[in-house]
């Protein structure tokens, strides 16, 4: 129920401040791909293996910079439907399953 509540309120309660924080975090994380020669080679390899354009990183950064609060809210409304989701909980079923009524256990 907690997950469902979070997903149902995510879009309507998402603010410009949160969006700015997420954008900054994503751009910082992307920059870390250039910090070591190993991470740079890994990124270049992924670009080559996936046949992406040479300016893929620049394009992706621009997408992050350009996304608007209204777009995020619209996407959340369209895709974050907890009634169509399957939640996977991993852990000790013997001690935790009773805390999740109605859950299906898969061993």
N, C-alpha and C. Protein backbone atom coordinates (compact mmCIF):
# COMPACT_ATOMS: atom_id res chain seq x y z
N UNK A 1 0.83 -1.20 0.00
CA UNK A 1 0.00 0.00 0.00
C UNK A 1 0.87 1.26 0.00
N UNK A 2 2.00 1.19 0.70
CA UNK A 2 2.91 2.34 0.74
C UNK A 2 3.42 2.67 -0.66
N UNK A 3 3.85 1.64 -1.40
CA UNK A 3 4.33 1.88 -2.77
C UNK A 3 3.23 2.46 -3.64
N UNK A 4 2.04 1.94 -3.51
CA UNK A 4 0.93 2.44 -4.31
C UNK A 4 0.67 3.91 -3.99
N UNK A 5 0.69 4.26 -2.72
CA UNK A 5 0.48 5.66 -2.33
C UNK A 5 1.57 6.56 -2.91
N UNK A 6 2.80 6.11 -2.85
CA UNK A 6 3.91 6.90 -3.37
C UNK A 6 3.74 7.14 -4.87
N UNK A 7 3.43 6.09 -5.62
CA UNK A 7 3.29 6.24 -7.06
C UNK A 7 2.08 7.07 -7.45
N UNK A 8 1.00 6.95 -6.70
CA UNK A 8 -0.20 7.73 -7.02
C UNK A 8 0.01 9.23 -6.79
N UNK A 9 0.82 9.58 -5.81
CA UNK A 9 1.03 10.99 -5.50
C UNK A 9 2.30 11.57 -6.12
N UNK A 10 3.11 10.73 -6.73
CA UNK A 10 4.39 11.20 -7.27
C UNK A 10 4.22 12.36 -8.23
N UNK A 11 3.42 12.19 -9.26
CA UNK A 11 3.25 13.25 -10.25
C UNK A 11 2.63 14.51 -9.68
N UNK A 12 1.48 14.40 -9.04
CA UNK A 12 0.83 15.61 -8.53
C UNK A 12 1.67 16.37 -7.49
N UNK A 13 2.48 15.66 -6.73
CA UNK A 13 3.25 16.31 -5.67
C UNK A 13 4.69 16.65 -6.09
N UNK A 14 5.07 16.31 -7.32
CA UNK A 14 6.42 16.59 -7.79
C UNK A 14 6.55 18.09 -8.03
N UNK A 15 7.61 18.69 -7.51
CA UNK A 15 7.78 20.14 -7.59
C UNK A 15 8.95 20.52 -8.49
N UNK A 16 9.01 21.78 -8.84
CA UNK A 16 10.12 22.28 -9.64
C UNK A 16 11.44 22.11 -8.89
N UNK A 17 11.42 22.31 -7.58
CA UNK A 17 12.63 22.13 -6.78
C UNK A 17 13.13 20.69 -6.85
N UNK A 18 12.22 19.73 -6.75
CA UNK A 18 12.62 18.32 -6.87
C UNK A 18 13.18 18.04 -8.26
N UNK A 19 12.52 18.58 -9.27
CA UNK A 19 13.00 18.37 -10.64
C UNK A 19 14.40 18.95 -10.81
N UNK A 20 14.63 20.14 -10.30
CA UNK A 20 15.96 20.75 -10.39
C UNK A 20 17.01 19.90 -9.70
N UNK A 21 16.65 19.34 -8.54
CA UNK A 21 17.58 18.46 -7.82
C UNK A 21 17.90 17.20 -8.61
N UNK A 22 16.87 16.60 -9.21
CA UNK A 22 17.07 15.38 -10.00
C UNK A 22 17.92 15.67 -11.23
N UNK A 23 17.65 16.79 -11.89
CA UNK A 23 18.45 17.17 -13.06
C UNK A 23 19.92 17.34 -12.68
N UNK A 24 20.17 18.05 -11.60
CA UNK A 24 21.55 18.28 -11.16
C UNK A 24 22.23 16.96 -10.83
N UNK A 25 21.53 16.08 -10.17
CA UNK A 25 22.09 14.77 -9.82
C UNK A 25 22.41 13.95 -11.06
N UNK A 26 21.51 13.95 -12.01
CA UNK A 26 21.74 13.18 -13.24
C UNK A 26 22.92 13.74 -14.04
N UNK A 27 23.03 15.04 -14.09
CA UNK A 27 24.13 15.65 -14.84
C UNK A 27 25.48 15.40 -14.14
N UNK A 28 25.48 15.43 -12.79
CA UNK A 28 26.71 15.10 -12.07
C UNK A 28 27.10 13.64 -12.29
N UNK A 29 26.12 12.75 -12.25
CA UNK A 29 26.39 11.32 -12.44
C UNK A 29 26.93 11.08 -13.84
N UNK A 30 26.38 11.78 -14.81
CA UNK A 30 26.85 11.63 -16.18
C UNK A 30 28.30 12.10 -16.31
N UNK A 31 28.62 13.18 -15.62
CA UNK A 31 29.99 13.70 -15.67
C UNK A 31 30.99 12.71 -15.08
N UNK A 32 30.55 11.90 -14.13
CA UNK A 32 31.46 10.93 -13.52
C UNK A 32 31.90 9.87 -14.52
N UNK A 33 31.18 9.75 -15.63
CA UNK A 33 31.57 8.79 -16.65
C UNK A 33 32.86 9.20 -17.36
N UNK A 34 33.35 10.40 -17.08
CA UNK A 34 34.57 10.89 -17.69
C UNK A 34 35.72 10.99 -16.70
N UNK A 35 35.50 10.55 -15.46
CA UNK A 35 36.50 10.76 -14.41
C UNK A 35 37.71 9.83 -14.51
N UNK A 36 37.50 8.63 -14.96
CA UNK A 36 38.64 7.70 -15.09
C UNK A 36 38.71 7.22 -16.53
N UNK A 37 39.88 6.79 -16.92
CA UNK A 37 40.02 6.28 -18.29
C UNK A 37 39.18 5.02 -18.48
N UNK A 38 39.04 4.21 -17.42
CA UNK A 38 38.24 3.00 -17.52
C UNK A 38 36.76 3.32 -17.74
N UNK A 39 36.23 4.30 -16.99
CA UNK A 39 34.83 4.66 -17.17
C UNK A 39 34.60 5.32 -18.53
N UNK A 40 35.55 6.09 -19.00
CA UNK A 40 35.43 6.72 -20.31
C UNK A 40 35.42 5.66 -21.41
N UNK A 41 36.32 4.70 -21.32
CA UNK A 41 36.36 3.62 -22.30
C UNK A 41 35.05 2.83 -22.27
N UNK A 42 34.52 2.59 -21.07
CA UNK A 42 33.25 1.88 -20.95
C UNK A 42 32.12 2.62 -21.64
N UNK A 43 32.09 3.94 -21.47
CA UNK A 43 31.03 4.72 -22.12
C UNK A 43 31.21 4.70 -23.63
N UNK A 44 32.42 4.88 -24.09
CA UNK A 44 32.67 4.87 -25.53
C UNK A 44 32.33 3.51 -26.13
N UNK A 45 32.62 2.47 -25.39
CA UNK A 45 32.30 1.12 -25.85
C UNK A 45 30.78 0.93 -25.95
N UNK A 46 30.05 1.41 -24.96
CA UNK A 46 28.59 1.31 -24.99
C UNK A 46 28.03 2.08 -26.17
N UNK A 47 28.59 3.25 -26.47
CA UNK A 47 28.14 4.04 -27.61
C UNK A 47 28.37 3.26 -28.90
N UNK A 48 29.55 2.67 -29.01
CA UNK A 48 29.87 1.91 -30.22
C UNK A 48 29.01 0.64 -30.34
N UNK A 49 28.90 -0.12 -29.26
CA UNK A 49 28.15 -1.38 -29.29
C UNK A 49 26.67 -1.16 -29.61
N UNK A 50 26.14 -0.03 -29.16
CA UNK A 50 24.72 0.25 -29.38
C UNK A 50 24.48 1.13 -30.60
N UNK A 51 25.55 1.36 -31.36
CA UNK A 51 25.46 2.14 -32.59
C UNK A 51 24.80 3.50 -32.36
N UNK A 52 25.23 4.17 -31.28
CA UNK A 52 24.68 5.48 -30.93
C UNK A 52 25.50 6.57 -31.63
N UNK A 53 24.90 7.74 -31.82
CA UNK A 53 25.65 8.83 -32.45
C UNK A 53 26.80 9.29 -31.55
N UNK A 54 27.83 9.86 -32.17
CA UNK A 54 29.00 10.30 -31.43
C UNK A 54 28.67 11.34 -30.37
N UNK A 55 27.64 12.13 -30.63
CA UNK A 55 27.25 13.18 -29.67
C UNK A 55 26.13 12.72 -28.73
N UNK A 56 26.03 11.42 -28.53
CA UNK A 56 24.98 10.84 -27.69
C UNK A 56 24.94 11.47 -26.30
N UNK A 57 26.10 11.61 -25.67
CA UNK A 57 26.15 12.15 -24.31
C UNK A 57 25.64 13.59 -24.28
N UNK A 58 26.04 14.38 -25.23
CA UNK A 58 25.59 15.77 -25.31
C UNK A 58 24.08 15.83 -25.51
N UNK A 59 23.56 14.97 -26.37
CA UNK A 59 22.12 14.94 -26.62
C UNK A 59 21.35 14.54 -25.36
N UNK A 60 21.85 13.53 -24.66
CA UNK A 60 21.18 13.08 -23.44
C UNK A 60 21.18 14.17 -22.38
N UNK A 61 22.29 14.86 -22.24
CA UNK A 61 22.35 15.96 -21.28
C UNK A 61 21.34 17.05 -21.64
N UNK A 62 21.18 17.31 -22.92
CA UNK A 62 20.24 18.33 -23.35
C UNK A 62 18.80 17.91 -23.04
N UNK A 63 18.50 16.63 -23.19
CA UNK A 63 17.17 16.12 -22.85
C UNK A 63 16.90 16.37 -21.36
N UNK A 64 17.88 16.06 -20.53
CA UNK A 64 17.72 16.28 -19.09
C UNK A 64 17.51 17.77 -18.79
N UNK A 65 18.31 18.61 -19.40
CA UNK A 65 18.21 20.06 -19.17
C UNK A 65 16.87 20.62 -19.64
N UNK A 66 16.33 20.08 -20.73
CA UNK A 66 15.13 20.65 -21.35
C UNK A 66 13.81 20.14 -20.77
N UNK A 67 13.82 19.01 -20.07
CA UNK A 67 12.56 18.45 -19.59
C UNK A 67 11.89 19.41 -18.61
N UNK A 68 10.57 19.51 -18.72
CA UNK A 68 9.83 20.46 -17.88
C UNK A 68 9.03 19.73 -16.80
N UNK A 69 8.61 20.48 -15.83
CA UNK A 69 7.79 19.92 -14.76
C UNK A 69 6.49 19.35 -15.31
N UNK A 70 5.87 20.05 -16.24
CA UNK A 70 4.63 19.56 -16.84
C UNK A 70 4.85 18.23 -17.57
N UNK A 71 5.97 18.09 -18.25
CA UNK A 71 6.27 16.83 -18.94
C UNK A 71 6.44 15.69 -17.94
N UNK A 72 7.14 15.94 -16.84
CA UNK A 72 7.33 14.91 -15.82
C UNK A 72 6.00 14.50 -15.24
N UNK A 73 5.16 15.46 -14.93
CA UNK A 73 3.85 15.15 -14.35
C UNK A 73 2.99 14.36 -15.34
N UNK A 74 3.06 14.70 -16.60
CA UNK A 74 2.30 13.98 -17.63
C UNK A 74 2.80 12.54 -17.76
N UNK A 75 4.12 12.37 -17.77
CA UNK A 75 4.70 11.02 -17.86
C UNK A 75 4.34 10.19 -16.64
N UNK A 76 4.38 10.81 -15.47
CA UNK A 76 4.03 10.09 -14.24
C UNK A 76 2.58 9.63 -14.29
N UNK A 77 1.70 10.51 -14.76
CA UNK A 77 0.28 10.15 -14.85
C UNK A 77 0.07 9.00 -15.83
N UNK A 78 0.83 9.01 -16.91
CA UNK A 78 0.68 7.99 -17.95
C UNK A 78 1.27 6.64 -17.55
N UNK A 79 2.46 6.65 -16.91
CA UNK A 79 3.20 5.40 -16.71
C UNK A 79 3.26 4.89 -15.27
N UNK A 80 3.04 5.74 -14.29
CA UNK A 80 3.15 5.28 -12.90
C UNK A 80 1.79 4.86 -12.35
N UNK A 81 1.30 3.77 -12.87
CA UNK A 81 0.02 3.23 -12.42
C UNK A 81 0.30 1.98 -11.57
N UNK A 82 0.25 2.13 -10.25
CA UNK A 82 0.59 1.00 -9.38
C UNK A 82 -0.33 -0.20 -9.54
N UNK A 83 -1.52 0.00 -10.09
CA UNK A 83 -2.42 -1.14 -10.30
C UNK A 83 -1.94 -2.04 -11.44
N UNK A 84 -1.04 -1.53 -12.27
CA UNK A 84 -0.48 -2.32 -13.37
C UNK A 84 0.96 -2.75 -13.09
N UNK A 85 1.41 -2.63 -11.86
CA UNK A 85 2.79 -2.96 -11.51
C UNK A 85 2.86 -4.25 -10.69
N UNK A 86 4.00 -4.87 -10.81
CA UNK A 86 4.31 -6.02 -9.97
C UNK A 86 5.47 -5.59 -9.08
N UNK A 87 5.29 -5.73 -7.79
CA UNK A 87 6.33 -5.34 -6.84
C UNK A 87 7.09 -6.60 -6.42
N UNK A 88 8.38 -6.55 -6.52
CA UNK A 88 9.23 -7.67 -6.14
C UNK A 88 9.93 -7.32 -4.83
N UNK A 89 9.71 -8.14 -3.83
CA UNK A 89 10.34 -7.94 -2.53
C UNK A 89 11.29 -9.11 -2.33
N UNK A 90 12.54 -8.81 -2.08
CA UNK A 90 13.54 -9.85 -1.91
C UNK A 90 13.98 -9.86 -0.45
N UNK A 91 14.05 -11.05 0.12
CA UNK A 91 14.49 -11.14 1.50
C UNK A 91 14.10 -12.47 2.12
N UNK A 92 14.15 -12.50 3.41
CA UNK A 92 13.86 -13.69 4.18
C UNK A 92 12.35 -13.87 4.29
N UNK A 93 11.79 -14.73 3.46
CA UNK A 93 10.34 -14.94 3.43
C UNK A 93 9.82 -15.46 4.75
N UNK A 94 10.59 -16.28 5.42
CA UNK A 94 10.12 -16.88 6.68
C UNK A 94 9.80 -15.82 7.72
N UNK A 95 10.58 -14.76 7.76
CA UNK A 95 10.34 -13.74 8.79
C UNK A 95 9.58 -12.53 8.27
N UNK A 96 9.55 -12.32 6.96
CA UNK A 96 8.97 -11.10 6.42
C UNK A 96 7.63 -11.28 5.71
N UNK A 97 7.33 -12.49 5.25
CA UNK A 97 6.13 -12.72 4.43
C UNK A 97 4.85 -12.34 5.17
N UNK A 98 4.80 -12.61 6.45
CA UNK A 98 3.58 -12.31 7.19
C UNK A 98 3.30 -10.80 7.26
N UNK A 99 4.30 -9.98 6.98
CA UNK A 99 4.12 -8.54 6.97
C UNK A 99 3.54 -8.04 5.64
N UNK A 100 3.42 -8.95 4.68
CA UNK A 100 2.94 -8.59 3.35
C UNK A 100 1.71 -9.42 3.00
N UNK A 101 0.57 -9.09 3.60
CA UNK A 101 -0.64 -9.88 3.35
C UNK A 101 -1.03 -9.85 1.87
N UNK A 102 -1.40 -11.00 1.37
CA UNK A 102 -1.82 -11.09 -0.02
C UNK A 102 -0.67 -11.27 -0.99
N UNK A 103 0.56 -11.27 -0.51
CA UNK A 103 1.71 -11.44 -1.39
C UNK A 103 1.83 -12.87 -1.83
N UNK A 104 2.29 -13.07 -3.06
CA UNK A 104 2.53 -14.41 -3.59
C UNK A 104 4.01 -14.72 -3.40
N UNK A 105 4.29 -15.83 -2.78
CA UNK A 105 5.67 -16.22 -2.52
C UNK A 105 6.19 -17.11 -3.64
N UNK A 106 7.35 -16.78 -4.16
CA UNK A 106 8.01 -17.57 -5.18
C UNK A 106 9.37 -17.97 -4.64
N UNK A 107 9.64 -19.25 -4.68
CA UNK A 107 10.92 -19.75 -4.16
C UNK A 107 11.83 -20.16 -5.26
